[in-house]
Protein backbone atom coordinates (compact mmCIF):
# COMPACT_ATOMS: atom_id res chain seq x y z
CA UNK A 1 -4.50 14.73 -15.83
CA UNK A 2 -1.52 14.58 -13.48
CA UNK A 3 -1.69 16.07 -10.05
CA UNK A 4 1.69 17.11 -8.74
CA UNK A 5 2.01 18.95 -5.43
CA UNK A 6 5.23 20.54 -4.17
CA UNK A 7 5.93 19.52 -0.57
CA UNK A 8 8.46 21.33 1.64
CA UNK A 9 10.32 18.91 3.92
CA UNK A 10 11.53 19.77 7.45
CA UNK A 11 15.15 19.72 6.24
CA UNK A 12 14.41 22.48 3.71
CA UNK A 13 14.23 20.21 0.65
CA UNK A 14 11.25 20.41 -1.65
CA UNK A 15 9.81 17.31 -3.30
CA UNK A 16 7.03 16.91 -5.81
CA UNK A 17 4.31 14.49 -4.77
CA UNK A 18 2.46 12.75 -7.61
CA UNK A 19 -1.08 11.55 -7.04
CA UNK A 20 -1.39 7.79 -6.65
CA UNK A 21 -3.30 7.15 -9.90
CA UNK A 22 -0.71 9.04 -11.96
CA UNK A 23 2.12 7.23 -10.19
CA UNK A 24 0.55 3.86 -11.00
CA UNK A 25 0.09 4.85 -14.63
CA UNK A 26 3.74 5.96 -14.87
CA UNK A 27 5.37 2.87 -13.31
CA UNK A 28 6.43 1.44 -16.71
CA UNK A 29 8.06 4.80 -17.54
CA UNK A 30 9.83 4.82 -14.18
CA UNK A 31 11.31 1.40 -14.95
CA UNK A 32 12.57 2.71 -18.29
CA UNK A 33 14.13 5.73 -16.53
CA UNK A 34 15.85 3.48 -13.96
CA UNK A 35 17.24 1.27 -16.72
CA UNK A 36 18.56 4.39 -18.46
CA UNK A 37 20.44 5.36 -15.29
CA UNK A 38 18.06 8.11 -14.15
CA UNK A 39 17.50 7.17 -10.53
CA UNK A 40 15.42 10.06 -9.20
CA UNK A 41 12.68 8.63 -6.99
CA UNK A 42 8.97 8.79 -7.73
CA UNK A 43 7.23 10.18 -4.64
CA UNK A 44 3.49 9.65 -4.51
CA UNK A 45 0.50 9.97 -2.23
CA UNK A 46 -2.98 11.37 -1.92
CA UNK A 47 -3.96 14.96 -1.13
CA UNK A 48 -0.41 16.15 -1.83
CA UNK A 49 1.04 14.23 1.11
CA UNK A 50 4.05 11.98 0.46
CA UNK A 51 3.14 8.40 1.36
CA UNK A 52 5.31 6.17 -0.84
CA UNK A 53 8.50 6.23 -2.87
CA UNK A 54 9.59 4.18 -5.87
CA UNK A 55 13.36 3.81 -6.15
CA UNK A 56 15.67 1.51 -8.11
CA UNK A 57 16.20 -1.84 -6.38
CA UNK A 58 19.95 -1.35 -5.89
CA UNK A 59 19.23 1.97 -4.15
CA UNK A 60 16.69 0.24 -1.91
CA UNK A 61 19.33 -2.35 -0.99
CA UNK A 62 21.72 0.46 -0.03
CA UNK A 63 19.04 2.08 2.11
CA UNK A 64 18.30 -1.24 3.82
CA UNK A 65 21.98 -1.63 4.65
CA UNK A 66 22.14 1.90 6.04
CA UNK A 67 19.04 1.27 8.14
CA UNK A 68 20.59 -1.90 9.59
CA UNK A 69 23.79 0.01 10.38
CA UNK A 70 21.80 2.78 12.07
CA UNK A 71 19.85 0.22 14.10
CA UNK A 72 23.05 -1.43 15.26
CA UNK A 73 24.58 1.95 16.13
CA UNK A 74 21.49 2.83 18.20
CA UNK A 75 21.78 -0.49 20.04
CA UNK A 76 25.45 0.17 20.74
CA UNK A 77 24.66 3.66 22.05
CA UNK A 78 21.97 2.26 24.35
CA UNK A 79 24.23 -0.47 25.75
CA UNK A 80 26.99 2.09 26.26
CA UNK A 81 24.60 4.53 27.96
CA UNK A 82 23.35 1.82 30.33
CA UNK A 83 26.87 0.69 31.14
CA UNK A 84 28.12 4.19 31.80
CA UNK A 85 25.13 4.91 34.02
CA UNK A 86 25.26 1.73 36.08
CA UNK A 87 28.75 0.23 36.08
CA UNK A 88 31.78 0.97 38.17
CA UNK A 89 35.18 1.19 36.51
CA UNK A 90 36.01 -2.36 37.58
CA UNK A 91 32.85 -3.60 35.84
CA UNK A 92 33.90 -2.53 32.34
CA UNK A 93 34.45 -5.26 29.75
CA UNK A 94 37.37 -5.66 27.40
CA UNK A 95 37.14 -4.75 23.72
CA UNK A 96 37.28 -8.46 22.86
CA UNK A 97 34.30 -9.21 25.12
CA UNK A 98 32.36 -6.28 23.70
CA UNK A 99 33.11 -7.41 20.15
CA UNK A 100 31.91 -10.90 20.99
CA UNK A 101 28.69 -9.48 22.47
CA UNK A 102 27.88 -7.67 19.21
CA UNK A 103 29.16 -10.42 16.93
CA UNK A 104 32.11 -8.43 15.61
CA UNK A 105 35.28 -10.01 14.36
CA UNK A 106 38.09 -7.63 15.25
CA UNK A 107 40.47 -9.42 12.90
CA UNK A 108 38.32 -8.98 9.79
CA UNK A 109 35.53 -6.67 8.71
CA UNK A 110 34.25 -9.28 6.27
CA UNK A 111 33.70 -12.33 8.44
CA UNK A 112 31.61 -12.78 11.57
CA UNK A 113 33.23 -14.54 14.51
CA UNK A 114 32.62 -18.28 14.75
CA UNK A 115 29.50 -19.25 16.71
CA UNK A 116 30.00 -20.01 20.41
CA UNK A 117 30.49 -23.67 21.23
């Protein structure tokens, strides 16, 4: 018998949480669904609380990339905040120096700058 519990998320979305045993039993079916192009996640947990999600691998790769981008953006915000709070106008660095600090290549989005020598 499947236990499915609706869970309201803080953003207003509602998800259905499948109990862990049912989720484990349905993993082969989830793989078939993913292969058929149906990419809705399987959300599972105990006591109706979402604790894990099964998603297609290519979706997971996209999420990993987004997480890395968000982490880098947070680092940039923190460096900027510190600089604005502590530096005088004459202490600011050029765009080229900032790009070098973060490993950006301003001439190409696809290639990192060469390593320092």
